[in-house]
C-alpha atoms as a PDB file:
ATOM      1  CA  MET A   1       0.000   0.000   0.000  1.00  0.00           C
ATOM      2  CA  TYR A   2       1.346   3.427  -1.002  1.00  0.00           C
ATOM      3  CA  TYR A   3       1.250   6.388   1.349  1.00  0.00           C
ATOM      4  CA  VAL A   4       0.723   9.719  -0.430  1.00  0.00           C
ATOM      5  CA  LYS A   5       1.657  12.965   1.334  1.00  0.00           C
ATOM      6  CA  ASN A   6      -0.528  15.978   0.607  1.00  0.00           C
ATOM      7  CA  GLU A   7       2.495  18.173   0.035  1.00  0.00           C
ATOM      8  CA  ARG A   8       3.706  20.393  -2.782  1.00  0.00           C
ATOM      9  CA  ASN A   9       7.266  21.724  -2.893  1.00  0.00           C
ATOM     10  CA  GLY A  10       7.765  20.303   0.593  1.00  0.00           C
ATOM     11  CA  GLU A  11       4.861  22.287   2.068  1.00  0.00           C
ATOM     12  CA  GLU A  12       1.890  20.529   3.682  1.00  0.00           C
ATOM     13  CA  ILE A  13      -1.512  21.591   2.328  1.00  0.00           C
ATOM     14  CA  TYR A  14      -4.384  22.547   4.649  1.00  0.00           C
ATOM     15  CA  ASP A  15      -6.793  23.798   1.979  1.00  0.00           C
ATOM     16  CA  PRO A  16      -9.845  21.459   1.864  1.00  0.00           C
ATOM     17  CA  GLN A  17     -10.581  22.223  -1.789  1.00  0.00           C
ATOM     18  CA  THR A  18      -7.127  20.974  -2.742  1.00  0.00           C
ATOM     19  CA  ASN A  19      -7.032  18.063  -0.309  1.00  0.00           C
ATOM     20  CA  LEU A  20     -10.335  16.672  -1.580  1.00  0.00           C
ATOM     21  CA  ALA A  21      -9.135  17.215  -5.145  1.00  0.00           C
ATOM     22  CA  ILE A  22      -6.029  15.139  -4.379  1.00  0.00           C
ATOM     23  CA  GLU A  23      -8.207  12.369  -2.970  1.00  0.00           C
ATOM     24  CA  TYR A  24     -10.528  12.194  -5.925  1.00  0.00           C
ATOM     25  CA  TYR A  25      -7.718  12.491  -8.464  1.00  0.00           C
ATOM     26  CA  LEU A  26      -6.071   9.470  -6.864  1.00  0.00           C
ATOM     27  CA  LEU A  27      -9.387   7.631  -7.050  1.00  0.00           C
ATOM     28  CA  ASN A  28     -10.616   8.649 -10.493  1.00  0.00           C
ATOM     29  CA  GLU A  29      -7.497   9.133 -12.567  1.00  0.00           C
ATOM     30  CA  LYS A  30      -4.350   7.778 -10.900  1.00  0.00           C
ATOM     31  CA  LYS A  31      -3.906   4.023 -11.140  1.00  0.00           C
ATOM     32  CA  LEU A  32      -1.130   2.570  -8.980  1.00  0.00           C
ATOM     33  CA  ASP A  33      -0.327  -1.110  -8.628  1.00  0.00           C
ATOM     34  CA  GLU A  34      -1.287  -1.146  -4.921  1.00  0.00           C
ATOM     35  CA  PRO A  35      -3.957   0.469  -2.699  1.00  0.00           C
ATOM     36  CA  ILE A  36      -3.364   4.048  -1.530  1.00  0.00           C
ATOM     37  CA  LEU A  37      -3.479   5.669   1.912  1.00  0.00           C
ATOM     38  CA  LEU A  38      -3.877   9.433   2.240  1.00  0.00           C
ATOM     39  CA  PHE A  39      -3.914  11.536   5.418  1.00  0.00           C
ATOM     40  CA  TYR A  40      -4.685  15.250   5.474  1.00  0.00           C
ATOM     41  CA  ILE A  41      -5.551  18.040   7.910  1.00  0.00           C
ATOM     42  CA  ASN A  42      -7.878  20.854   6.816  1.00  0.00           C
ATOM     43  CA  LYS A  43      -8.167  24.413   8.039  1.00  0.00           C
ATOM     44  CA  PRO A  44     -11.614  25.269   9.504  1.00  0.00           C
ATOM     45  CA  SER A  45     -14.142  24.007   6.981  1.00  0.00           C
ATOM     46  CA  ILE A  46     -17.442  22.203   6.494  1.00  0.00           C
ATOM     47  CA  ILE A  47     -17.421  19.149   4.252  1.00  0.00           C
ATOM     48  CA  ILE A  48     -20.869  18.503   2.789  1.00  0.00           C
ATOM     49  CA  GLY A  49     -22.141  15.084   1.705  1.00  0.00           C
ATOM     50  CA  LYS A  50     -22.658  14.678  -2.035  1.00  0.00           C
ATOM     51  CA  ASN A  51     -26.466  14.504  -1.860  1.00  0.00           C
ATOM     52  CA  GLN A  52     -27.046  17.151   0.798  1.00  0.00           C
ATOM     53  CA  ASN A  53     -28.701  20.559   0.502  1.00  0.00           C
ATOM     54  CA  THR A  54     -25.796  22.807   1.521  1.00  0.00           C
ATOM     55  CA  ARG A  55     -27.870  25.762   2.672  1.00  0.00           C
ATOM     56  CA  ALA A  56     -30.006  23.555   4.884  1.00  0.00           C
ATOM     57  CA  GLU A  57     -26.947  22.096   6.625  1.00  0.00           C
ATOM     58  CA  ILE A  58     -24.890  25.174   7.510  1.00  0.00           C
ATOM     59  CA  ASN A  59     -25.235  28.421   9.440  1.00  0.00           C
ATOM     60  CA  GLN A  60     -24.456  30.642   6.455  1.00  0.00           C
ATOM     61  CA  ASP A  61     -24.093  33.931   8.369  1.00  0.00           C
ATOM     62  CA  TYR A  62     -21.615  32.429  10.821  1.00  0.00           C
ATOM     63  CA  VAL A  63     -19.724  30.671   8.031  1.00  0.00           C
ATOM     64  CA  ASN A  64     -19.363  33.950   6.121  1.00  0.00           C
ATOM     65  CA  GLU A  65     -18.335  35.941   9.182  1.00  0.00           C
ATOM     66  CA  HIS A  66     -15.631  33.465  10.230  1.00  0.00           C
ATOM     67  CA  ASN A  67     -14.349  32.550   6.753  1.00  0.00           C
ATOM     68  CA  VAL A  68     -15.149  28.853   7.114  1.00  0.00           C
ATOM     69  CA  GLU A  69     -14.632  26.950   3.852  1.00  0.00           C
ATOM     70  CA  VAL A  70     -17.588  24.946   2.496  1.00  0.00           C
ATOM     71  CA  VAL A  71     -16.702  22.042   0.195  1.00  0.00           C
ATOM     72  CA  ARG A  72     -18.866  19.243  -1.178  1.00  0.00           C
ATOM     73  CA  ARG A  73     -17.323  15.775  -1.376  1.00  0.00           C
ATOM     74  CA  LEU A  74     -18.245  13.075  -3.884  1.00  0.00           C
ATOM     75  CA  SER A  75     -19.393  10.543  -1.283  1.00  0.00           C
ATOM     76  CA  GLY A  76     -22.672  10.371   0.622  1.00  0.00           C
ATOM     77  CA  GLY A  77     -23.159  10.823   4.352  1.00  0.00           C
ATOM     78  CA  GLY A  78     -23.651  13.936   6.438  1.00  0.00           C
ATOM     79  CA  ALA A  79     -21.968  17.309   6.883  1.00  0.00           C
ATOM     80  CA  VAL A  80     -18.899  17.413   9.147  1.00  0.00           C
ATOM     81  CA  TYR A  81     -16.739  20.188  10.581  1.00  0.00           C
ATOM     82  CA  HIS A  82     -12.943  20.057  10.166  1.00  0.00           C
ATOM     83  CA  ASP A  83     -10.216  22.110  11.805  1.00  0.00           C
ATOM     84  CA  TYR A  84      -6.533  21.750  12.658  1.00  0.00           C
ATOM     85  CA  GLY A  85      -7.409  19.267  15.418  1.00  0.00           C
ATOM     86  CA  ASN A  86      -8.929  16.785  12.984  1.00  0.00           C
ATOM     87  CA  ILE A  87      -7.263  14.201  10.743  1.00  0.00           C
ATOM     88  CA  CYS A  88      -8.876  12.872   7.577  1.00  0.00           C
ATOM     89  CA  PHE A  89      -7.862   9.395   6.471  1.00  0.00           C
ATOM     90  CA  CYS A  90      -8.602   7.847   3.114  1.00  0.00           C
ATOM     91  CA  PHE A  91      -8.101   4.330   1.752  1.00  0.00           C
ATOM     92  CA  ILE A  92      -8.321   4.012  -2.038  1.00  0.00           C
ATOM     93  CA  THR A  93      -8.540   0.545  -3.551  1.00  0.00           C
ATOM     94  CA  SER A  94     -10.276  -1.608  -6.133  1.00  0.00           C
ATOM     95  CA  ASP A  95     -13.977  -2.214  -5.557  1.00  0.00           C
ATOM     96  CA  ASP A  96     -14.243  -5.985  -5.131  1.00  0.00           C
ATOM     97  CA  ASP A  97     -18.082  -5.933  -4.868  1.00  0.00           C
ATOM     98  CA  ASP A  98     -17.758  -6.851  -1.188  1.00  0.00           C
ATOM     99  CA  SER A  99     -16.218  -3.719   0.308  1.00  0.00           C
ATOM    100  CA  PHE A 100     -18.696  -0.909  -0.367  1.00  0.00           C
ATOM    101  CA  ARG A 101     -20.531  -0.053   2.879  1.00  0.00           C
ATOM    102  CA  ASN A 102     -18.179  -2.455   4.746  1.00  0.00           C
ATOM    103  CA  PHE A 103     -16.887   0.218   7.112  1.00  0.00           C
ATOM    104  CA  LYS A 104     -15.398  -2.323   9.507  1.00  0.00           C
ATOM    105  CA  LYS A 105     -12.858  -3.431   6.914  1.00  0.00           C
ATOM    106  CA  PHE A 106     -11.350   0.042   6.618  1.00  0.00           C
ATOM    107  CA  THR A 107     -11.729   1.351  10.173  1.00  0.00           C
ATOM    108  CA  SER A 108     -10.248  -1.700  11.935  1.00  0.00           C
ATOM    109  CA  PRO A 109      -6.591  -0.636  11.383  1.00  0.00           C
ATOM    110  CA  VAL A 110      -7.368   2.778  12.882  1.00  0.00           C
ATOM    111  CA  ILE A 111      -9.192   1.289  15.863  1.00  0.00           C
ATOM    112  CA  GLU A 112      -6.314  -1.127  16.542  1.00  0.00           C
ATOM    113  CA  ALA A 113      -3.841   1.774  16.586  1.00  0.00           C
ATOM    114  CA  LEU A 114      -6.066   3.707  19.017  1.00  0.00           C
ATOM    115  CA  HIS A 115      -6.269   0.697  21.326  1.00  0.00           C
ATOM    116  CA  LYS A 116      -2.456   0.645  21.491  1.00  0.00           C
ATOM    117  CA  MET A 117      -2.525   4.291  22.624  1.00  0.00           C
ATOM    118  CA  GLY A 118      -4.864   3.439  25.474  1.00  0.00           C
ATOM    119  CA  VAL A 119      -8.169   4.305  23.812  1.00  0.00           C
ATOM    120  CA  GLU A 120      -9.587   0.893  24.652  1.00  0.00           C
ATOM    121  CA  GLY A 121     -13.237   1.899  24.257  1.00  0.00           C
ATOM    122  CA  ALA A 122     -12.886   2.909  20.605  1.00  0.00           C
ATOM    123  CA  LYS A 123     -15.150   0.847  18.339  1.00  0.00           C
ATOM    124  CA  LEU A 124     -17.367   0.930  15.256  1.00  0.00           C
ATOM    125  CA  GLU A 125     -21.068   1.297  16.054  1.00  0.00           C
ATOM    126  CA  GLY A 126     -24.149   1.788  13.939  1.00  0.00           C
ATOM    127  CA  ARG A 127     -23.882   2.438  10.249  1.00  0.00           C
ATOM    128  CA  ASN A 128     -20.594   4.296   9.915  1.00  0.00           C
ATOM    129  CA  ASP A 129     -19.509   5.951  13.185  1.00  0.00           C
ATOM    130  CA  LEU A 130     -16.564   5.309  15.516  1.00  0.00           C
ATOM    131  CA  LEU A 131     -17.435   5.860  19.173  1.00  0.00           C
ATOM    132  CA  ILE A 132     -15.817   6.004  22.596  1.00  0.00           C
ATOM    133  CA  ASP A 133     -18.175   5.420  25.537  1.00  0.00           C
ATOM    134  CA  GLY A 134     -21.122   6.122  23.257  1.00  0.00           C
ATOM    135  CA  LYS A 135     -19.663   9.399  21.961  1.00  0.00           C
ATOM    136  CA  LYS A 136     -18.769   9.887  18.308  1.00  0.00           C
ATOM    137  CA  PHE A 137     -15.199  10.800  17.358  1.00  0.00           C
ATOM    138  CA  SER A 138     -15.211   9.692  13.720  1.00  0.00           C
ATOM    139  CA  GLY A 139     -17.667   9.714  10.841  1.00  0.00           C
ATOM    140  CA  ASN A 140     -17.016   7.671   7.704  1.00  0.00           C
ATOM    141  CA  ALA A 141     -18.227   7.681   4.120  1.00  0.00           C
ATOM    142  CA  MET A 142     -17.560   5.844   0.855  1.00  0.00           C
ATOM    143  CA  TYR A 143     -17.578   6.563  -2.851  1.00  0.00           C
ATOM    144  CA  SER A 144     -17.231   4.140  -5.760  1.00  0.00           C
ATOM    145  CA  LYS A 145     -16.676   4.721  -9.470  1.00  0.00           C
ATOM    146  CA  ASN A 146     -15.381   2.709 -12.409  1.00  0.00           C
ATOM    147  CA  GLY A 147     -14.326  -0.278 -10.334  1.00  0.00           C
ATOM    148  CA  ARG A 148     -12.436   1.735  -7.713  1.00  0.00           C
ATOM    149  CA  MET A 149     -13.545   3.036  -4.341  1.00  0.00           C
ATOM    150  CA  THR A 150     -12.504   5.283  -1.499  1.00  0.00           C
ATOM    151  CA  ALA A 151     -13.320   4.732   2.163  1.00  0.00           C
ATOM    152  CA  HIS A 152     -12.614   7.901   4.083  1.00  0.00           C
ATOM    153  CA  GLY A 153     -13.264   9.237   7.535  1.00  0.00           C
ATOM    154  CA  THR A 154     -12.425  11.822  10.157  1.00  0.00           C
ATOM    155  CA  LEU A 155     -10.586  11.447  13.445  1.00  0.00           C
ATOM    156  CA  MET A 156     -11.422  14.096  16.033  1.00  0.00           C
ATOM    157  CA  PHE A 157      -8.103  14.301  17.848  1.00  0.00           C
ATOM    158  CA  ASP A 158      -8.452  17.749  19.434  1.00  0.00           C
ATOM    159  CA  VAL A 159     -11.268  19.522  17.568  1.00  0.00           C
ATOM    160  CA  ASP A 160     -13.062  22.642  18.801  1.00  0.00           C
ATOM    161  CA  THR A 161     -16.388  20.871  19.371  1.00  0.00           C
ATOM    162  CA  GLU A 162     -18.156  24.106  20.317  1.00  0.00           C
ATOM    163  CA  GLU A 163     -17.429  25.443  16.846  1.00  0.00           C
ATOM    164  CA  THR A 164     -19.211  22.457  15.330  1.00  0.00           C
ATOM    165  CA  LEU A 165     -22.461  23.702  16.851  1.00  0.00           C
ATOM    166  CA  ASN A 166     -21.823  27.205  15.532  1.00  0.00           C
ATOM    167  CA  VAL A 167     -21.255  26.264  11.907  1.00  0.00           C
ATOM    168  CA  LEU A 168     -23.702  23.393  11.400  1.00  0.00           C
ATOM    169  CA  ARG A 169     -27.480  23.518  11.531  1.00  0.00           C
ATOM    170  CA  PRO A 170     -28.838  20.352  13.241  1.00  0.00           C
ATOM    171  CA  LYS A 171     -32.007  18.827  11.832  1.00  0.00           C
ATOM    172  CA  LYS A 172     -35.164  19.902  13.627  1.00  0.00           C
ATOM    173  CA  GLU A 173     -35.986  16.361  14.729  1.00  0.00           C
ATOM    174  CA  LYS A 174     -32.575  16.024  16.387  1.00  0.00           C
ATOM    175  CA  LEU A 175     -33.052  19.239  18.325  1.00  0.00           C
ATOM    176  CA  THR A 176     -36.600  18.329  19.303  1.00  0.00           C
ATOM    177  CA  SER A 177     -35.764  14.866  20.578  1.00  0.00           C
ATOM    178  CA  LYS A 178     -32.240  15.431  21.872  1.00  0.00           C
ATOM    179  CA  GLY A 179     -31.787  19.118  22.638  1.00  0.00           C
ATOM    180  CA  VAL A 180     -28.630  21.157  22.000  1.00  0.00           C
ATOM    181  CA  LYS A 181     -26.896  19.943  25.171  1.00  0.00           C
ATOM    182  CA  SER A 182     -27.408  16.349  24.133  1.00  0.00           C
ATOM    183  CA  VAL A 183     -26.179  17.016  20.602  1.00  0.00           C
ATOM    184  CA  ARG A 184     -23.009  18.504  22.124  1.00  0.00           C
ATOM    185  CA  SER A 185     -22.516  15.588  24.526  1.00  0.00           C
ATOM    186  CA  ARG A 186     -22.694  12.978  21.759  1.00  0.00           C
ATOM    187  CA  VAL A 187     -19.305  13.910  20.242  1.00  0.00           C
ATOM    188  CA  THR A 188     -15.843  13.740  21.758  1.00  0.00           C
ATOM    189  CA  ASN A 189     -12.143  14.050  21.027  1.00  0.00           C
ATOM    190  CA  ILE A 190      -9.673  11.181  21.111  1.00  0.00           C
ATOM    191  CA  LYS A 191      -6.919  12.927  23.063  1.00  0.00           C
ATOM    192  CA  PRO A 192      -8.535  12.854  26.548  1.00  0.00           C
ATOM    193  CA  TYR A 193      -8.817   9.052  26.353  1.00  0.00           C
ATOM    194  CA  MET A 194      -5.188   8.393  25.438  1.00  0.00           C
ATOM    195  CA  ASP A 195      -2.637   7.082  27.939  1.00  0.00           C
ATOM    196  CA  GLU A 196      -0.892   9.768  29.958  1.00  0.00           C
ATOM    197  CA  LYS A 197       2.383   9.379  28.046  1.00  0.00           C
ATOM    198  CA  TYR A 198       0.600  10.511  24.858  1.00  0.00           C
ATOM    199  CA  GLN A 199      -1.093  13.607  26.309  1.00  0.00           C
ATOM    200  CA  ASP A 200       1.565  15.993  24.963  1.00  0.00           C
ATOM    201  CA  MET A 201       1.346  14.491  21.471  1.00  0.00           C
ATOM    202  CA  THR A 202       0.724  16.909  18.615  1.00  0.00           C
ATOM    203  CA  ILE A 203      -1.665  16.019  15.817  1.00  0.00           C
ATOM    204  CA  GLU A 204       1.328  15.549  13.493  1.00  0.00           C
ATOM    205  CA  LYS A 205       2.863  13.012  15.891  1.00  0.00           C
ATOM    206  CA  PHE A 206      -0.517  11.341  16.216  1.00  0.00           C
ATOM    207  CA  ARG A 207      -0.605  10.940  12.442  1.00  0.00           C
ATOM    208  CA  GLU A 208       2.903   9.451  12.471  1.00  0.00           C
ATOM    209  CA  TYR A 209       1.906   6.952  15.155  1.00  0.00           C
ATOM    210  CA  LEU A 210      -1.106   5.882  13.104  1.00  0.00           C
ATOM    211  CA  LEU A 211       1.115   5.383  10.061  1.00  0.00           C
ATOM    212  CA  LEU A 212       3.612   3.230  11.927  1.00  0.00           C
ATOM    213  CA  ASN A 213       0.822   1.026  13.251  1.00  0.00           C
ATOM    214  CA  ILE A 214      -1.080   0.730   9.976  1.00  0.00           C
ATOM    215  CA  TYR A 215       2.109  -0.266   8.139  1.00  0.00           C
ATOM    216  CA  ASN A 216       3.428  -2.291  11.102  1.00  0.00           C
ATOM    217  CA  VAL A 217       6.900  -0.714  10.913  1.00  0.00           C
ATOM    218  CA  ASP A 218       9.215   0.980  13.422  1.00  0.00           C
ATOM    219  CA  SER A 219      10.350   3.866  11.217  1.00  0.00           C
ATOM    220  CA  LEU A 220       8.637   6.210   8.777  1.00  0.00           C
ATOM    221  CA  ASP A 221      11.491   5.444   6.382  1.00  0.00           C
ATOM    222  CA  ASP A 222       9.952   1.992   5.976  1.00  0.00           C
ATOM    223  CA  VAL A 223       6.557   3.366   4.888  1.00  0.00           C
ATOM    224  CA  LYS A 224       6.151   2.912   1.139  1.00  0.00           C
ATOM    225  CA  GLU A 225       5.478   6.297  -0.454  1.00  0.00           C
ATOM    226  CA  TYR A 226       4.309   7.667  -3.772  1.00  0.00           C
ATOM    227  CA  GLN A 227       5.230  11.308  -4.420  1.00  0.00           C
ATOM    228  CA  LEU A 228       2.899  13.469  -6.483  1.00  0.00           C
ATOM    229  CA  THR A 229       4.507  14.682  -9.710  1.00  0.00           C
ATOM    230  CA  ASP A 230       4.098  17.966 -11.606  1.00  0.00           C
ATOM    231  CA  GLU A 231       1.830  16.108 -14.028  1.00  0.00           C
ATOM    232  CA  ASP A 232      -0.265  14.840 -11.112  1.00  0.00           C
ATOM    233  CA  TRP A 233      -0.632  18.414  -9.872  1.00  0.00           C
ATOM    234  CA  GLU A 234      -1.898  19.609 -13.240  1.00  0.00           C
ATOM    235  CA  HIS A 235      -4.761  17.102 -12.972  1.00  0.00           C
ATOM    236  CA  ILE A 236      -5.405  17.904  -9.298  1.00  0.00           C
ATOM    237  CA  ILE A 237      -5.694  21.642  -9.968  1.00  0.00           C
ATOM    238  CA  ALA A 238      -8.019  21.002 -12.910  1.00  0.00           C
ATOM    239  CA  PHE A 239     -10.200  18.791 -10.734  1.00  0.00           C
ATOM    240  CA  ARG A 240     -10.299  21.454  -7.999  1.00  0.00           C
ATOM    241  CA  GLU A 241     -11.387  24.109 -10.476  1.00  0.00           C
ATOM    242  CA  GLU A 242     -14.189  21.935 -11.859  1.00  0.00           C
ATOM    243  CA  TYR A 243     -15.475  20.510  -8.581  1.00  0.00           C
ATOM    244  CA  THR A 244     -14.187  21.193  -5.062  1.00  0.00           C
ATOM    245  CA  GLY A 245     -13.240  24.809  -5.783  1.00  0.00           C
ATOM    246  CA  ASN A 246     -16.387  25.520  -7.792  1.00  0.00           C
ATOM    247  CA  TYR A 247     -19.187  27.441  -6.036  1.00  0.00           C
ATOM    248  CA  ASP A 248     -21.873  25.800  -8.168  1.00  0.00           C
ATOM    249  CA  TRP A 249     -20.631  22.340  -7.164  1.00  0.00           C
ATOM    250  CA  ASN A 250     -20.292  23.155  -3.461  1.00  0.00           C
ATOM    251  CA  TYR A 251     -23.672  24.856  -3.099  1.00  0.00           C
ATOM    252  CA  GLY A 252     -25.618  23.481  -6.037  1.00  0.00           C
ATOM    253  CA  GLU A 253     -28.978  24.658  -7.246  1.00  0.00           C
ATOM    254  CA  ASP A 254     -31.513  25.490  -4.575  1.00  0.00           C
ATOM    255  CA  PRO A 255     -34.870  25.897  -6.370  1.00  0.00           C
ATOM    256  CA  ASP A 256     -38.157  26.506  -4.617  1.00  0.00           C
ATOM    257  CA  TYR A 257     -40.344  23.410  -4.390  1.00  0.00           C
ATOM    258  CA  GLU A 258     -43.952  23.417  -3.319  1.00  0.00           C
ATOM    259  CA  LEU A 259     -43.890  20.124  -1.415  1.00  0.00           C
ATOM    260  CA  VAL A 260     -41.225  18.704   0.911  1.00  0.00           C
ATOM    261  CA  ARG A 261     -41.234  15.254   2.490  1.00  0.00           C
ATOM    262  CA  GLU A 262     -38.386  14.280   4.797  1.00  0.00           C
ATOM    263  CA  GLY A 263     -37.481  11.849   7.529  1.00  0.00           C
ATOM    264  CA  ARG A 264     -35.083   9.193   8.760  1.00  0.00           C
ATOM    265  CA  THR A 265     -35.002   5.760   7.162  1.00  0.00           C
ATOM    266  CA  PRO A 266     -32.839   2.647   7.606  1.00  0.00           C
ATOM    267  CA  ALA A 267     -30.620   4.143   4.874  1.00  0.00           C
ATOM    268  CA  GLY A 268     -30.290   7.529   6.596  1.00  0.00           C
ATOM    269  CA  GLN A 269     -31.899  10.966   6.338  1.00  0.00           C
ATOM    270  CA  ILE A 270     -33.758  11.530   3.034  1.00  0.00           C
ATOM    271  CA  GLU A 271     -35.547  14.641   1.770  1.00  0.00           C
ATOM    272  CA  PHE A 272     -37.814  14.839  -1.286  1.00  0.00           C
ATOM    273  CA  HIS A 273     -38.496  18.298  -2.719  1.00  0.00           C
ATOM    274  CA  PHE A 274     -41.362  18.109  -5.222  1.00  0.00           C
ATOM    275  CA  ASP A 275     -42.771  20.471  -7.809  1.00  0.00           C
ATOM    276  CA  ILE A 276     -46.210  19.005  -8.515  1.00  0.00           C
ATOM    277  CA  SER A 277     -48.209  20.140 -11.536  1.00  0.00           C
ATOM    278  CA  LYS A 278     -51.606  18.716 -12.565  1.00  0.00           C
ATOM    279  CA  GLY A 279     -51.112  15.756 -10.278  1.00  0.00           C
ATOM    280  CA  HIS A 280     -47.738  14.754 -11.736  1.00  0.00           C
ATOM    281  CA  ILE A 281     -44.147  15.275 -10.597  1.00  0.00           C
ATOM    282  CA  LYS A 282     -42.934  18.170 -12.736  1.00  0.00           C
ATOM    283  CA  ASP A 283     -39.589  18.368 -10.962  1.00  0.00           C
ATOM    284  CA  ILE A 284     -37.915  16.719  -7.997  1.00  0.00           C
ATOM    285  CA  LYS A 285     -34.735  17.065  -5.961  1.00  0.00           C
ATOM    286  CA  ILE A 286     -33.507  14.427  -3.525  1.00  0.00           C
ATOM    287  CA  TYR A 287     -31.202  15.256  -0.609  1.00  0.00           C
ATOM    288  CA  GLY A 288     -29.866  13.181   2.278  1.00  0.00           C
ATOM    289  CA  ASP A 289     -26.950  11.560   4.072  1.00  0.00           C
ATOM    290  CA  PHE A 290     -27.480   8.099   2.565  1.00  0.00           C
ATOM    291  CA  PHE A 291     -24.697   6.172   0.813  1.00  0.00           C
ATOM    292  CA  GLY A 292     -25.305   5.207  -2.790  1.00  0.00           C
ATOM    293  CA  LEU A 293     -23.255   3.788  -5.609  1.00  0.00           C
ATOM    294  CA  GLY A 294     -25.262   5.438  -8.369  1.00  0.00           C
ATOM    295  CA  GLU A 295     -25.981   9.056  -9.238  1.00  0.00           C
ATOM    296  CA  ILE A 296     -29.142  10.182  -7.432  1.00  0.00           C
ATOM    297  CA  SER A 297     -30.013  12.232 -10.535  1.00  0.00           C
ATOM    298  CA  ASP A 298     -30.877   8.895 -12.200  1.00  0.00           C
ATOM    299  CA  VAL A 299     -33.677   8.409  -9.651  1.00  0.00           C
ATOM    300  CA  GLU A 300     -34.850  11.996 -10.064  1.00  0.00           C
ATOM    301  CA  ASP A 301     -35.024  11.557 -13.843  1.00  0.00           C
ATOM    302  CA  LYS A 302     -37.044   8.367 -13.445  1.00  0.00           C
ATOM    303  CA  LEU A 303     -39.569  10.026 -11.118  1.00  0.00           C
ATOM    304  CA  ARG A 304     -40.185  13.121 -13.247  1.00  0.00           C
ATOM    305  CA  GLY A 305     -43.540  12.812 -14.991  1.00  0.00           C
ATOM    306  CA  THR A 306     -44.805  10.177 -12.565  1.00  0.00           C
ATOM    307  CA  GLU A 307     -48.320  10.660 -11.241  1.00  0.00           C
ATOM    308  CA  TYR A 308     -48.137  11.715  -7.607  1.00  0.00           C
ATOM    309  CA  THR A 309     -50.062   8.781  -6.151  1.00  0.00           C
ATOM    310  CA  LYS A 310     -48.906   5.905  -4.001  1.00  0.00           C
ATOM    311  CA  GLU A 311     -49.668   3.443  -6.774  1.00  0.00           C
ATOM    312  CA  SER A 312     -47.679   5.291  -9.449  1.00  0.00           C
ATOM    313  CA  LEU A 313     -44.786   6.024  -7.104  1.00  0.00           C
ATOM    314  CA  THR A 314     -44.656   2.328  -6.200  1.00  0.00           C
ATOM    315  CA  ASP A 315     -44.708   1.272  -9.860  1.00  0.00           C
ATOM    316  CA  THR A 316     -41.876   3.644 -10.737  1.00  0.00           C
ATOM    317  CA  LEU A 317     -39.708   2.753  -7.741  1.00  0.00           C
ATOM    318  CA  ASN A 318     -40.133  -0.970  -8.447  1.00  0.00           C
ATOM    319  CA  GLN A 319     -38.187  -0.317 -11.656  1.00  0.00           C
ATOM    320  CA  ILE A 320     -35.216   1.102  -9.707  1.00  0.00           C
ATOM    321  CA  ASP A 321     -32.496  -0.747  -7.773  1.00  0.00           C
ATOM    322  CA  LEU A 322     -32.982   1.180  -4.532  1.00  0.00           C
ATOM    323  CA  ASN A 323     -30.077  -0.576  -2.827  1.00  0.00           C
ATOM    324  CA  LYS A 324     -27.738   0.847  -5.453  1.00  0.00           C
ATOM    325  CA  TYR A 325     -28.879   4.417  -4.938  1.00  0.00           C
ATOM    326  CA  PHE A 326     -29.885   4.557  -1.252  1.00  0.00           C
ATOM    327  CA  GLY A 327     -28.769   1.458   0.620  1.00  0.00           C
ATOM    328  CA  ASP A 328     -30.932  -0.794   2.788  1.00  0.00           C
ATOM    329  CA  LEU A 329     -34.401   0.459   1.939  1.00  0.00           C
ATOM    330  CA  THR A 330     -37.655  -1.022   0.609  1.00  0.00           C
ATOM    331  CA  VAL A 331     -40.045   0.480  -1.913  1.00  0.00           C
ATOM    332  CA  GLU A 332     -42.755   0.604   0.753  1.00  0.00           C
ATOM    333  CA  GLN A 333     -40.556   2.545   3.167  1.00  0.00           C
ATOM    334  CA  LEU A 334     -39.643   5.063   0.524  1.00  0.00           C
ATOM    335  CA  VAL A 335     -43.209   5.563  -0.713  1.00  0.00           C
ATOM    336  CA  ASP A 336     -44.422   6.097   2.869  1.00  0.00           C
ATOM    337  CA  LEU A 337     -41.884   8.890   3.177  1.00  0.00           C
ATOM    338  CA  MET A 338     -42.609  10.420  -0.234  1.00  0.00           C
ATOM    339  CA  TYR A 339     -46.403  10.526  -0.019  1.00  0.00           C
END
């Protein structure tokens, strides 16, 4: 497995637009003969899930006032806050038809390293979260294209958790059922749980320790590296300009729809924004933190023109592989949410 440093001319990069561009260049265009591991640290930023409505997820006034970057990734899942106390890890490999949504496979090496540092309670729980004592310290997502996939996640080492509440806008149902205090108490940093001898560790040293454990070596010199070339950087910059550095990509269209249906499902949060005309779906936009292999626009295209009745919605959805686009979800569950 190759380790790729997010450096250019010997300087580490903290810009999320560039770091995500590196990740997706390595996935979509760069073919190496072994899997790839990438670590990066971002300056204060919000990373939006591919299928989410950006404006509904963030506190725009606060984001503008404090110059927080907003970048949309190409994988599903929810919005997360990054700062200099957070590490992003990314495994890029071939999609063997058995790895997508298998978060355990890719988080196990990280959990094992944390256990060695004294964080014995660290474990994978639920769909895609890493927890300590019931508190989340890592969220994970996946993206697959053309036979290759990335499994990436965050590690809250020493994040300003108060800032997370300032920049993100929790869903109404979370606030109603949990309250702000509870939302705050459900996340935590890794550092307080580490053995005493690691308490003075910087986030850079923490990253080094993870590398040594993942590669099972005693020296960073023994970690197999691939260095990005000038040609690689040409592609990375082009990708950033088209996607992660593009306002239209990061915010997307936000049209007015006359009917909104939303709720939690076994596949995650899903929102349907409908424009209904003469009893038929004139236009539709689907948002959510679900994980899908396909482009959700395929589902939107299929639903346009459908009569807005339970029977017609059911007929149309029966023609779609919902597992491919949403995950573990039945037609009945989706129709109940939509209608």
